[in-house]
N, C-alpha and C. Protein backbone atom coordinates (compact mmCIF):
# COMPACT_ATOMS: atom_id res chain seq x y z
N MET A 1 76.16 -15.95 -7.20
CA MET A 1 75.15 -15.28 -6.37
C MET A 1 75.68 -15.17 -4.95
N THR A 2 75.58 -14.00 -4.38
CA THR A 2 76.11 -13.76 -3.05
C THR A 2 75.06 -13.14 -2.19
N ALA A 3 75.19 -13.37 -0.90
CA ALA A 3 74.27 -12.76 0.05
C ALA A 3 75.08 -12.27 1.23
N SER A 4 74.84 -11.09 1.70
CA SER A 4 75.52 -10.53 2.85
C SER A 4 74.57 -10.48 4.02
N SER A 5 75.06 -10.77 5.20
CA SER A 5 74.23 -10.81 6.39
C SER A 5 74.19 -9.45 7.02
N GLY A 6 73.23 -9.30 7.98
CA GLY A 6 73.08 -8.04 8.69
C GLY A 6 71.66 -7.60 8.68
N ALA A 7 71.43 -6.45 9.31
CA ALA A 7 70.07 -5.92 9.38
C ALA A 7 69.55 -5.59 8.00
N SER A 8 70.39 -4.95 7.18
CA SER A 8 69.98 -4.66 5.81
C SER A 8 70.72 -5.63 4.90
N ARG A 9 70.12 -6.77 4.66
CA ARG A 9 70.73 -7.85 3.89
C ARG A 9 70.60 -7.57 2.41
N ARG A 10 71.72 -7.57 1.70
CA ARG A 10 71.71 -7.34 0.26
C ARG A 10 72.07 -8.64 -0.44
N VAL A 11 71.41 -8.92 -1.53
CA VAL A 11 71.66 -10.11 -2.31
C VAL A 11 71.83 -9.70 -3.75
N THR A 12 72.86 -10.19 -4.39
CA THR A 12 73.07 -9.92 -5.80
C THR A 12 72.84 -11.20 -6.57
N CYS A 13 71.86 -11.19 -7.43
CA CYS A 13 71.52 -12.35 -8.25
C CYS A 13 72.00 -12.08 -9.66
N CYS A 14 72.95 -12.87 -10.13
CA CYS A 14 73.58 -12.62 -11.42
C CYS A 14 72.68 -13.12 -12.54
N THR A 15 71.70 -12.33 -12.92
CA THR A 15 70.81 -12.67 -14.01
C THR A 15 70.71 -11.49 -14.95
N TYR A 16 70.10 -11.72 -16.09
CA TYR A 16 69.91 -10.68 -17.09
C TYR A 16 69.08 -9.53 -16.54
N ALA A 17 68.24 -9.80 -15.54
CA ALA A 17 67.34 -8.76 -15.02
C ALA A 17 68.10 -7.68 -14.26
N ASP A 18 69.32 -8.01 -13.77
CA ASP A 18 70.06 -7.02 -12.99
C ASP A 18 70.52 -5.86 -13.85
N ARG A 19 70.59 -6.05 -15.15
CA ARG A 19 71.05 -4.98 -16.02
C ARG A 19 69.96 -3.96 -16.28
N VAL A 20 68.74 -4.27 -15.90
CA VAL A 20 67.61 -3.39 -16.17
C VAL A 20 67.40 -2.48 -14.98
N ALA A 21 67.49 -1.19 -15.19
CA ALA A 21 67.32 -0.24 -14.09
C ALA A 21 65.85 -0.14 -13.71
N PHE A 22 65.61 -0.06 -12.41
CA PHE A 22 64.24 0.10 -11.92
C PHE A 22 64.14 1.49 -11.31
N PRO A 23 63.02 2.18 -11.50
CA PRO A 23 62.91 3.56 -10.99
C PRO A 23 63.18 3.64 -9.49
N ASP A 24 64.08 4.54 -9.11
CA ASP A 24 64.42 4.68 -7.70
C ASP A 24 63.28 5.27 -6.89
N ASP A 25 62.37 6.02 -7.53
CA ASP A 25 61.31 6.65 -6.78
C ASP A 25 60.26 5.63 -6.30
N VAL A 26 60.34 4.40 -6.79
CA VAL A 26 59.42 3.36 -6.32
C VAL A 26 59.81 2.88 -4.93
N LEU A 27 61.10 2.89 -4.62
CA LEU A 27 61.60 2.41 -3.34
C LEU A 27 61.76 3.58 -2.37
N THR A 28 61.60 3.28 -1.11
CA THR A 28 61.79 4.30 -0.08
C THR A 28 63.27 4.52 0.16
N ALA A 29 63.57 5.58 0.90
CA ALA A 29 64.97 5.93 1.14
C ALA A 29 65.68 4.88 1.99
N GLU A 30 64.96 4.22 2.89
CA GLU A 30 65.56 3.24 3.79
C GLU A 30 65.36 1.80 3.31
N GLU A 31 64.92 1.63 2.07
CA GLU A 31 64.61 0.30 1.54
C GLU A 31 65.77 -0.20 0.70
N ASP A 32 66.20 -1.44 0.95
CA ASP A 32 67.31 -2.03 0.22
C ASP A 32 66.78 -3.02 -0.81
N LEU A 33 67.25 -2.91 -2.03
CA LEU A 33 66.87 -3.81 -3.10
C LEU A 33 67.61 -5.14 -2.94
N VAL A 34 66.86 -6.22 -2.95
CA VAL A 34 67.44 -7.55 -2.79
C VAL A 34 67.47 -8.29 -4.14
N PHE A 35 66.34 -8.40 -4.79
CA PHE A 35 66.25 -9.02 -6.11
C PHE A 35 65.49 -8.11 -7.06
N HIS A 36 65.95 -8.08 -8.29
CA HIS A 36 65.18 -7.48 -9.39
C HIS A 36 65.18 -8.50 -10.52
N LEU A 37 64.06 -9.18 -10.70
CA LEU A 37 63.98 -10.31 -11.61
C LEU A 37 62.89 -10.10 -12.64
N ARG A 38 63.04 -10.81 -13.74
CA ARG A 38 61.99 -11.00 -14.73
C ARG A 38 61.68 -12.49 -14.80
N PRO A 39 60.56 -12.87 -15.42
CA PRO A 39 60.35 -14.29 -15.68
C PRO A 39 61.53 -14.88 -16.45
N HIS A 40 61.76 -16.15 -16.27
CA HIS A 40 62.89 -16.85 -16.89
C HIS A 40 62.87 -16.67 -18.41
N TRP A 41 64.05 -16.75 -19.01
CA TRP A 41 64.16 -16.52 -20.45
C TRP A 41 63.39 -17.55 -21.27
N LYS A 42 63.00 -18.67 -20.66
CA LYS A 42 62.25 -19.68 -21.41
C LYS A 42 60.91 -19.10 -21.88
N ALA A 43 60.39 -18.07 -21.16
CA ALA A 43 59.13 -17.45 -21.57
C ALA A 43 59.26 -16.70 -22.88
N ALA A 44 60.49 -16.36 -23.27
CA ALA A 44 60.70 -15.64 -24.52
C ALA A 44 61.08 -16.55 -25.67
N VAL A 45 61.22 -17.85 -25.43
CA VAL A 45 61.67 -18.76 -26.48
C VAL A 45 60.59 -18.97 -27.53
N ARG A 46 59.37 -19.30 -27.11
CA ARG A 46 58.30 -19.57 -28.08
C ARG A 46 57.97 -18.34 -28.94
N PRO A 47 57.79 -17.14 -28.35
CA PRO A 47 57.54 -15.97 -29.22
C PRO A 47 58.67 -15.71 -30.20
N SER A 48 59.91 -15.94 -29.78
CA SER A 48 61.03 -15.72 -30.69
C SER A 48 61.01 -16.73 -31.84
N LEU A 49 60.65 -17.98 -31.54
CA LEU A 49 60.55 -18.98 -32.59
C LEU A 49 59.43 -18.66 -33.58
N VAL A 50 58.31 -18.12 -33.05
CA VAL A 50 57.21 -17.74 -33.93
C VAL A 50 57.65 -16.64 -34.89
N LEU A 51 58.33 -15.64 -34.37
CA LEU A 51 58.81 -14.56 -35.24
C LEU A 51 59.81 -15.08 -36.27
N ALA A 52 60.71 -15.95 -35.84
CA ALA A 52 61.70 -16.49 -36.77
C ALA A 52 61.04 -17.34 -37.85
N PHE A 53 60.02 -18.10 -37.47
CA PHE A 53 59.33 -18.95 -38.45
C PHE A 53 58.66 -18.12 -39.54
N PHE A 54 57.91 -17.10 -39.15
CA PHE A 54 57.19 -16.32 -40.15
C PHE A 54 58.14 -15.44 -40.97
N LEU A 55 59.24 -15.03 -40.37
CA LEU A 55 60.23 -14.30 -41.15
C LEU A 55 60.85 -15.21 -42.21
N ALA A 56 61.18 -16.45 -41.81
CA ALA A 56 61.74 -17.40 -42.77
C ALA A 56 60.72 -17.77 -43.85
N ALA A 57 59.45 -17.94 -43.45
CA ALA A 57 58.42 -18.27 -44.44
C ALA A 57 58.24 -17.16 -45.45
N THR A 58 58.30 -15.92 -45.01
CA THR A 58 58.17 -14.79 -45.94
C THR A 58 59.36 -14.72 -46.90
N LEU A 59 60.56 -14.98 -46.40
CA LEU A 59 61.74 -14.97 -47.27
C LEU A 59 61.68 -16.10 -48.29
N VAL A 60 61.25 -17.29 -47.84
CA VAL A 60 61.13 -18.42 -48.77
C VAL A 60 60.10 -18.12 -49.85
N ALA A 61 58.97 -17.57 -49.45
CA ALA A 61 57.94 -17.22 -50.43
C ALA A 61 58.45 -16.17 -51.41
N TRP A 62 59.22 -15.23 -50.93
CA TRP A 62 59.77 -14.18 -51.79
C TRP A 62 60.74 -14.76 -52.82
N VAL A 63 61.51 -15.78 -52.42
CA VAL A 63 62.51 -16.36 -53.31
C VAL A 63 61.90 -17.41 -54.24
N MET A 64 61.01 -18.23 -53.71
CA MET A 64 60.52 -19.38 -54.47
C MET A 64 59.35 -19.06 -55.39
N LEU A 65 58.47 -18.18 -55.00
CA LEU A 65 57.29 -17.92 -55.82
C LEU A 65 57.66 -17.10 -57.05
N PRO A 66 56.99 -17.34 -58.15
CA PRO A 66 57.30 -16.58 -59.38
C PRO A 66 56.88 -15.13 -59.27
N THR A 67 57.40 -14.35 -60.17
CA THR A 67 57.11 -12.91 -60.15
C THR A 67 55.83 -12.57 -60.91
N THR A 68 54.96 -13.52 -61.07
CA THR A 68 53.69 -13.28 -61.72
C THR A 68 52.70 -12.68 -60.72
N MET A 69 51.50 -12.39 -61.23
CA MET A 69 50.47 -11.84 -60.35
C MET A 69 50.10 -12.81 -59.25
N GLY A 70 49.99 -14.10 -59.58
CA GLY A 70 49.68 -15.10 -58.56
C GLY A 70 50.78 -15.22 -57.52
N GLY A 71 52.04 -15.14 -57.97
CA GLY A 71 53.15 -15.20 -57.02
C GLY A 71 53.15 -14.02 -56.07
N ARG A 72 52.85 -12.84 -56.59
CA ARG A 72 52.80 -11.66 -55.73
C ARG A 72 51.66 -11.76 -54.72
N ILE A 73 50.53 -12.31 -55.16
CA ILE A 73 49.42 -12.50 -54.22
C ILE A 73 49.82 -13.48 -53.12
N GLY A 74 50.51 -14.55 -53.51
CA GLY A 74 50.96 -15.52 -52.50
C GLY A 74 51.92 -14.90 -51.51
N ILE A 75 52.86 -14.09 -52.00
CA ILE A 75 53.80 -13.41 -51.09
C ILE A 75 53.04 -12.47 -50.15
N GLY A 76 52.05 -11.76 -50.70
CA GLY A 76 51.26 -10.85 -49.87
C GLY A 76 50.49 -11.59 -48.80
N VAL A 77 49.93 -12.77 -49.13
CA VAL A 77 49.18 -13.55 -48.14
C VAL A 77 50.11 -14.03 -47.03
N VAL A 78 51.27 -14.56 -47.41
CA VAL A 78 52.22 -15.04 -46.40
C VAL A 78 52.71 -13.89 -45.52
N ALA A 79 53.00 -12.76 -46.13
CA ALA A 79 53.47 -11.61 -45.35
C ALA A 79 52.39 -11.09 -44.42
N THR A 80 51.15 -11.07 -44.88
CA THR A 80 50.05 -10.59 -44.03
C THR A 80 49.84 -11.51 -42.84
N LEU A 81 49.84 -12.82 -43.09
CA LEU A 81 49.71 -13.77 -41.98
C LEU A 81 50.88 -13.64 -41.02
N GLY A 82 52.08 -13.41 -41.58
CA GLY A 82 53.24 -13.26 -40.71
C GLY A 82 53.14 -12.05 -39.81
N VAL A 83 52.62 -10.95 -40.36
CA VAL A 83 52.48 -9.73 -39.55
C VAL A 83 51.42 -9.92 -38.47
N ILE A 84 50.27 -10.48 -38.83
CA ILE A 84 49.17 -10.61 -37.87
C ILE A 84 49.52 -11.61 -36.77
N ILE A 85 49.89 -12.82 -37.18
CA ILE A 85 50.19 -13.87 -36.18
C ILE A 85 51.49 -13.55 -35.44
N GLY A 86 52.47 -13.01 -36.16
CA GLY A 86 53.72 -12.67 -35.50
C GLY A 86 53.56 -11.60 -34.44
N ALA A 87 52.69 -10.61 -34.72
CA ALA A 87 52.45 -9.56 -33.73
C ALA A 87 51.71 -10.11 -32.51
N ARG A 88 50.76 -11.02 -32.76
CA ARG A 88 49.94 -11.54 -31.66
C ARG A 88 50.67 -12.60 -30.86
N ARG A 89 51.36 -13.50 -31.55
CA ARG A 89 52.01 -14.63 -30.89
C ARG A 89 53.50 -14.42 -30.63
N GLY A 90 54.05 -13.37 -31.19
CA GLY A 90 55.48 -13.14 -31.04
C GLY A 90 55.82 -11.84 -30.34
N VAL A 91 55.43 -10.73 -30.97
CA VAL A 91 55.84 -9.42 -30.44
C VAL A 91 55.18 -9.14 -29.11
N TRP A 92 53.86 -9.36 -29.02
CA TRP A 92 53.15 -9.04 -27.79
C TRP A 92 53.63 -9.85 -26.58
N PRO A 93 53.78 -11.19 -26.67
CA PRO A 93 54.33 -11.92 -25.53
C PRO A 93 55.73 -11.46 -25.12
N LEU A 94 56.54 -11.07 -26.08
CA LEU A 94 57.87 -10.56 -25.73
C LEU A 94 57.78 -9.24 -24.97
N LEU A 95 56.85 -8.38 -25.36
CA LEU A 95 56.66 -7.12 -24.63
C LEU A 95 56.15 -7.38 -23.22
N VAL A 96 55.22 -8.34 -23.08
CA VAL A 96 54.72 -8.67 -21.75
C VAL A 96 55.84 -9.20 -20.88
N TRP A 97 56.67 -10.07 -21.42
CA TRP A 97 57.81 -10.61 -20.66
C TRP A 97 58.77 -9.48 -20.28
N ARG A 98 59.00 -8.58 -21.20
CA ARG A 98 59.95 -7.49 -20.95
C ARG A 98 59.44 -6.54 -19.87
N CYS A 99 58.13 -6.37 -19.78
CA CYS A 99 57.56 -5.39 -18.85
C CYS A 99 57.11 -6.02 -17.53
N THR A 100 57.44 -7.26 -17.28
CA THR A 100 57.09 -7.93 -16.03
C THR A 100 58.28 -7.88 -15.08
N HIS A 101 58.06 -7.41 -13.86
CA HIS A 101 59.14 -7.24 -12.89
C HIS A 101 58.74 -7.92 -11.57
N TYR A 102 59.69 -8.66 -11.00
CA TYR A 102 59.56 -9.19 -9.65
C TYR A 102 60.62 -8.49 -8.80
N ILE A 103 60.17 -7.62 -7.90
CA ILE A 103 61.08 -6.83 -7.07
C ILE A 103 60.99 -7.33 -5.63
N PHE A 104 62.13 -7.73 -5.06
CA PHE A 104 62.21 -8.15 -3.67
C PHE A 104 63.10 -7.16 -2.93
N THR A 105 62.58 -6.58 -1.87
CA THR A 105 63.38 -5.72 -1.01
C THR A 105 63.37 -6.28 0.40
N ASP A 106 64.04 -5.58 1.30
CA ASP A 106 64.06 -6.04 2.69
C ASP A 106 62.78 -5.67 3.43
N GLU A 107 61.80 -5.04 2.75
CA GLU A 107 60.55 -4.66 3.39
C GLU A 107 59.31 -5.24 2.71
N ARG A 108 59.40 -5.54 1.41
CA ARG A 108 58.20 -5.95 0.67
C ARG A 108 58.58 -6.67 -0.61
N ILE A 109 57.54 -7.22 -1.25
CA ILE A 109 57.65 -7.76 -2.60
C ILE A 109 56.79 -6.88 -3.51
N LEU A 110 57.38 -6.40 -4.56
CA LEU A 110 56.69 -5.50 -5.48
C LEU A 110 56.57 -6.21 -6.83
N LEU A 111 55.33 -6.36 -7.30
CA LEU A 111 55.06 -7.01 -8.59
C LEU A 111 54.52 -5.97 -9.55
N GLN A 112 55.14 -5.88 -10.70
CA GLN A 112 54.72 -4.89 -11.69
C GLN A 112 54.68 -5.53 -13.07
N ASP A 113 53.60 -5.27 -13.80
CA ASP A 113 53.49 -5.75 -15.17
C ASP A 113 52.60 -4.80 -15.95
N GLY A 114 52.47 -5.08 -17.23
CA GLY A 114 51.64 -4.24 -18.09
C GLY A 114 52.46 -3.55 -19.15
N VAL A 115 52.00 -3.63 -20.40
CA VAL A 115 52.67 -2.99 -21.52
C VAL A 115 52.13 -1.59 -21.73
N LEU A 116 50.84 -1.48 -21.95
CA LEU A 116 50.20 -0.18 -22.13
C LEU A 116 49.72 0.38 -20.79
N ASN A 117 49.01 -0.43 -20.03
CA ASN A 117 48.58 -0.05 -18.69
C ASN A 117 49.46 -0.76 -17.67
N ARG A 118 49.89 -0.04 -16.66
CA ARG A 118 50.80 -0.60 -15.67
C ARG A 118 50.03 -0.98 -14.41
N ASP A 119 50.26 -2.21 -13.97
CA ASP A 119 49.68 -2.71 -12.72
C ASP A 119 50.81 -2.99 -11.74
N ARG A 120 50.63 -2.53 -10.51
CA ARG A 120 51.65 -2.71 -9.48
C ARG A 120 51.00 -3.18 -8.20
N ARG A 121 51.63 -4.12 -7.53
CA ARG A 121 51.10 -4.69 -6.31
C ARG A 121 52.21 -4.84 -5.29
N ASP A 122 51.92 -4.47 -4.04
CA ASP A 122 52.88 -4.55 -2.95
C ASP A 122 52.44 -5.60 -1.95
N LEU A 123 53.39 -6.42 -1.53
CA LEU A 123 53.16 -7.42 -0.49
C LEU A 123 54.19 -7.18 0.61
N PRO A 124 53.82 -6.55 1.73
CA PRO A 124 54.77 -6.36 2.83
C PRO A 124 55.24 -7.70 3.38
N LEU A 125 56.52 -7.80 3.67
CA LEU A 125 57.07 -9.06 4.18
C LEU A 125 56.44 -9.43 5.51
N ALA A 126 56.11 -8.43 6.33
CA ALA A 126 55.56 -8.71 7.66
C ALA A 126 54.18 -9.33 7.60
N ARG A 127 53.51 -9.27 6.46
CA ARG A 127 52.16 -9.80 6.33
C ARG A 127 52.11 -11.11 5.54
N ILE A 128 53.27 -11.63 5.16
CA ILE A 128 53.32 -12.90 4.44
C ILE A 128 53.32 -14.04 5.46
N ASN A 129 52.37 -14.96 5.32
CA ASN A 129 52.29 -16.08 6.26
C ASN A 129 52.62 -17.42 5.62
N ASP A 130 52.80 -17.47 4.31
CA ASP A 130 53.16 -18.74 3.67
C ASP A 130 53.68 -18.47 2.27
N HIS A 131 54.64 -19.30 1.85
CA HIS A 131 55.13 -19.21 0.47
C HIS A 131 55.57 -20.61 0.05
N ALA A 132 55.17 -20.98 -1.17
CA ALA A 132 55.43 -22.31 -1.69
C ALA A 132 56.09 -22.21 -3.06
N MET A 133 56.83 -23.27 -3.41
CA MET A 133 57.55 -23.31 -4.67
C MET A 133 57.27 -24.64 -5.36
N SER A 134 57.08 -24.61 -6.66
CA SER A 134 56.88 -25.84 -7.43
C SER A 134 57.71 -25.75 -8.70
N GLN A 135 58.27 -26.91 -9.11
CA GLN A 135 59.10 -26.98 -10.30
C GLN A 135 58.72 -28.21 -11.13
N SER A 136 58.64 -28.03 -12.42
CA SER A 136 58.49 -29.16 -13.32
C SER A 136 59.87 -29.75 -13.62
N LEU A 137 59.89 -30.84 -14.38
CA LEU A 137 61.18 -31.45 -14.74
C LEU A 137 62.02 -30.49 -15.56
N LEU A 138 61.38 -29.81 -16.52
CA LEU A 138 62.12 -28.82 -17.31
C LEU A 138 62.57 -27.65 -16.46
N GLY A 139 61.72 -27.26 -15.50
CA GLY A 139 62.10 -26.18 -14.60
C GLY A 139 63.30 -26.53 -13.75
N ARG A 140 63.39 -27.78 -13.30
CA ARG A 140 64.55 -28.20 -12.52
C ARG A 140 65.81 -28.19 -13.37
N MET A 141 65.68 -28.54 -14.65
CA MET A 141 66.84 -28.55 -15.54
C MET A 141 67.32 -27.14 -15.87
N LEU A 142 66.37 -26.22 -16.05
CA LEU A 142 66.74 -24.85 -16.43
C LEU A 142 66.83 -23.90 -15.24
N GLY A 143 66.39 -24.33 -14.06
CA GLY A 143 66.55 -23.50 -12.87
C GLY A 143 65.48 -22.47 -12.65
N TYR A 144 64.23 -22.78 -13.01
CA TYR A 144 63.14 -21.85 -12.76
C TYR A 144 61.98 -22.61 -12.14
N GLY A 145 61.01 -21.87 -11.61
CA GLY A 145 59.86 -22.50 -11.00
C GLY A 145 58.79 -21.46 -10.68
N GLN A 146 57.71 -21.94 -10.12
CA GLN A 146 56.58 -21.07 -9.77
C GLN A 146 56.54 -20.88 -8.26
N MET A 147 56.33 -19.66 -7.83
CA MET A 147 56.21 -19.34 -6.42
C MET A 147 54.80 -18.85 -6.13
N THR A 148 54.20 -19.37 -5.06
CA THR A 148 52.89 -18.93 -4.59
C THR A 148 53.06 -18.32 -3.21
N ILE A 149 52.65 -17.07 -3.06
CA ILE A 149 52.85 -16.34 -1.82
C ILE A 149 51.49 -15.97 -1.25
N ASP A 150 51.24 -16.38 -0.01
CA ASP A 150 50.01 -16.06 0.70
C ASP A 150 50.31 -15.01 1.75
N SER A 151 49.46 -14.01 1.84
CA SER A 151 49.62 -12.97 2.84
C SER A 151 48.33 -12.83 3.65
N ILE A 152 48.41 -12.11 4.73
CA ILE A 152 47.27 -11.91 5.61
C ILE A 152 46.16 -11.20 4.85
N GLY A 153 44.94 -11.69 5.01
CA GLY A 153 43.81 -11.14 4.29
C GLY A 153 43.43 -11.94 3.07
N ASP A 154 43.89 -13.20 3.00
CA ASP A 154 43.57 -14.09 1.88
C ASP A 154 44.01 -13.51 0.54
N GLN A 155 45.15 -12.86 0.52
CA GLN A 155 45.72 -12.35 -0.72
C GLN A 155 46.79 -13.31 -1.21
N VAL A 156 46.65 -13.76 -2.44
CA VAL A 156 47.55 -14.74 -3.02
C VAL A 156 48.20 -14.14 -4.26
N ALA A 157 49.51 -14.29 -4.37
CA ALA A 157 50.25 -13.83 -5.53
C ALA A 157 50.99 -15.03 -6.12
N VAL A 158 50.86 -15.23 -7.42
CA VAL A 158 51.53 -16.33 -8.12
C VAL A 158 52.57 -15.73 -9.05
N LEU A 159 53.82 -16.11 -8.85
CA LEU A 159 54.93 -15.64 -9.67
C LEU A 159 55.36 -16.78 -10.58
N ASP A 160 55.17 -16.61 -11.88
CA ASP A 160 55.48 -17.65 -12.85
C ASP A 160 56.91 -17.53 -13.33
N ALA A 161 57.53 -18.70 -13.54
CA ALA A 161 58.85 -18.78 -14.17
C ALA A 161 59.88 -17.91 -13.45
N VAL A 162 59.96 -18.06 -12.13
CA VAL A 162 60.93 -17.29 -11.35
C VAL A 162 62.31 -17.92 -11.54
N PRO A 163 63.31 -17.17 -12.02
CA PRO A 163 64.66 -17.74 -12.16
C PRO A 163 65.31 -17.95 -10.80
N HIS A 164 66.14 -19.00 -10.70
CA HIS A 164 66.83 -19.33 -9.45
C HIS A 164 65.82 -19.43 -8.30
N VAL A 165 64.73 -20.15 -8.53
CA VAL A 165 63.60 -20.10 -7.62
C VAL A 165 63.95 -20.65 -6.24
N GLN A 166 64.79 -21.66 -6.15
CA GLN A 166 65.15 -22.20 -4.84
C GLN A 166 65.93 -21.19 -4.01
N PHE A 167 66.87 -20.52 -4.64
CA PHE A 167 67.64 -19.50 -3.93
C PHE A 167 66.76 -18.32 -3.54
N VAL A 168 65.85 -17.94 -4.43
CA VAL A 168 64.94 -16.84 -4.13
C VAL A 168 64.04 -17.18 -2.95
N GLN A 169 63.51 -18.41 -2.91
CA GLN A 169 62.64 -18.79 -1.81
C GLN A 169 63.40 -18.84 -0.49
N THR A 170 64.63 -19.36 -0.51
CA THR A 170 65.43 -19.40 0.72
C THR A 170 65.72 -17.99 1.23
N THR A 171 66.07 -17.10 0.32
CA THR A 171 66.33 -15.72 0.72
C THR A 171 65.07 -15.04 1.22
N LEU A 172 63.95 -15.34 0.60
CA LEU A 172 62.68 -14.77 1.06
C LEU A 172 62.37 -15.21 2.48
N TYR A 173 62.64 -16.46 2.79
CA TYR A 173 62.43 -16.94 4.16
C TYR A 173 63.30 -16.17 5.14
N GLN A 174 64.55 -15.93 4.79
CA GLN A 174 65.44 -15.16 5.66
C GLN A 174 64.95 -13.73 5.84
N LEU A 175 64.44 -13.14 4.76
CA LEU A 175 63.94 -11.77 4.86
C LEU A 175 62.70 -11.71 5.75
N ILE A 176 61.81 -12.70 5.63
CA ILE A 176 60.59 -12.71 6.44
C ILE A 176 60.94 -12.89 7.91
N GLU A 177 61.91 -13.75 8.20
CA GLU A 177 62.30 -13.95 9.59
C GLU A 177 62.89 -12.68 10.20
N GLY A 178 63.52 -11.86 9.37
CA GLY A 178 64.11 -10.63 9.88
C GLY A 178 63.18 -9.44 9.86
N ALA A 179 61.98 -9.60 9.27
CA ALA A 179 61.03 -8.48 9.20
C ALA A 179 60.30 -8.33 10.52
N PRO A 180 59.96 -7.10 10.93
CA PRO A 180 59.20 -6.90 12.17
C PRO A 180 57.79 -7.44 12.03
N GLU A 181 57.26 -7.99 13.13
CA GLU A 181 55.92 -8.54 13.11
C GLU A 181 54.89 -7.42 13.07
N PRO A 182 53.80 -7.61 12.30
CA PRO A 182 52.76 -6.58 12.24
C PRO A 182 51.99 -6.50 13.55
N LEU A 183 51.54 -5.30 13.90
CA LEU A 183 50.76 -5.10 15.10
C LEU A 183 49.30 -5.35 14.81
N ASP A 184 48.63 -6.08 15.69
CA ASP A 184 47.20 -6.33 15.52
C ASP A 184 46.42 -5.11 15.94
N GLU A 185 45.30 -4.88 15.26
CA GLU A 185 44.46 -3.73 15.59
C GLU A 185 43.88 -3.86 16.99
N GLU A 186 43.55 -5.10 17.41
CA GLU A 186 43.00 -5.30 18.75
C GLU A 186 44.01 -4.92 19.82
N ASP A 187 45.28 -5.30 19.56
CA ASP A 187 46.32 -4.93 20.53
C ASP A 187 46.48 -3.43 20.61
N ASP A 188 46.37 -2.74 19.46
CA ASP A 188 46.50 -1.29 19.47
C ASP A 188 45.36 -0.65 20.26
N GLU A 189 44.14 -1.19 20.08
CA GLU A 189 43.00 -0.63 20.80
C GLU A 189 43.15 -0.86 22.30
N GLU A 190 43.63 -2.05 22.68
CA GLU A 190 43.82 -2.32 24.10
C GLU A 190 44.86 -1.39 24.70
N ASP A 191 45.94 -1.12 23.93
CA ASP A 191 46.97 -0.23 24.43
C ASP A 191 46.44 1.19 24.60
N ASP A 192 45.55 1.60 23.65
CA ASP A 192 44.99 2.94 23.77
C ASP A 192 44.02 3.05 24.93
N GLU A 193 43.25 1.98 25.17
CA GLU A 193 42.27 2.03 26.24
C GLU A 193 42.91 1.90 27.62
N TYR A 194 44.07 1.27 27.68
CA TYR A 194 44.70 1.05 28.97
C TYR A 194 45.33 2.34 29.46
N GLU A 195 45.09 2.67 30.66
CA GLU A 195 45.69 3.84 31.31
C GLU A 195 46.25 3.41 32.64
N GLU A 196 47.44 3.92 32.92
CA GLU A 196 48.06 3.57 34.18
C GLU A 196 47.28 4.21 35.32
N PRO A 197 47.03 3.47 36.38
CA PRO A 197 46.30 4.04 37.52
C PRO A 197 47.09 5.15 38.19
N ALA A 198 46.36 6.15 38.59
CA ALA A 198 47.03 7.29 39.25
C ALA A 198 47.54 6.86 40.61
N ASP A 199 48.65 7.45 41.01
CA ASP A 199 49.24 7.13 42.31
C ASP A 199 48.31 7.63 43.42
N ARG A 200 47.94 6.73 44.31
CA ARG A 200 47.09 7.11 45.43
C ARG A 200 47.93 7.60 46.59
N PRO A 201 47.50 8.69 47.19
CA PRO A 201 48.27 9.18 48.35
C PRO A 201 48.13 8.20 49.51
N LEU A 202 49.23 8.00 50.14
CA LEU A 202 49.23 7.10 51.30
C LEU A 202 48.59 7.81 52.49
N GLY A 203 47.47 7.28 52.97
CA GLY A 203 46.82 7.87 54.14
C GLY A 203 47.34 7.28 55.44
N ARG A 204 47.05 7.96 56.53
CA ARG A 204 47.47 7.48 57.85
C ARG A 204 46.51 6.42 58.33
N ARG A 205 47.02 5.28 58.67
CA ARG A 205 46.20 4.20 59.17
C ARG A 205 45.80 4.48 60.61
N ARG A 206 44.46 4.37 60.81
CA ARG A 206 43.95 4.59 62.17
C ARG A 206 43.83 3.28 62.91
């Protein structure tokens, strides 16, 4: 993993998520992509095991059960349970994992998820006032963790199973420090209301 310094800081995170192209029309012309991540691969382990289990159970039933009517009914029951539970506990979680994106740029954090319906949320870096990271023992061993990001306006975003979470949080801090501070509406109103006094002509003192 490398990071380059400068006004437009680019970071390359060597993860599986970098191979996935993200639509260029989502980013502005002057916006630099820093991270493109998915939840850690551990989120795909349980659904994969569920699919493997029901596939193995169906094959065992096909081989072991007799070719009688009762055996065929048993194979049909096992296959039906495999399709229903496998789709719910295996295929769907894998699709959700595949369609979840954590996008970090030098201007904002973009969160996108949804298989059928797409949900997208933007968090400008200039409006983030706090970010926290937590890791379990397994997370420390595998290198993932949870990030909680607070922004102005009591908006909270929770990113689950962020890979390389310590490096991501450190880079996020650097990006926030380099982001321009947001202008307050009160300051804007005061600037609009303020007018420079007109130059008074110098009169002759009597």
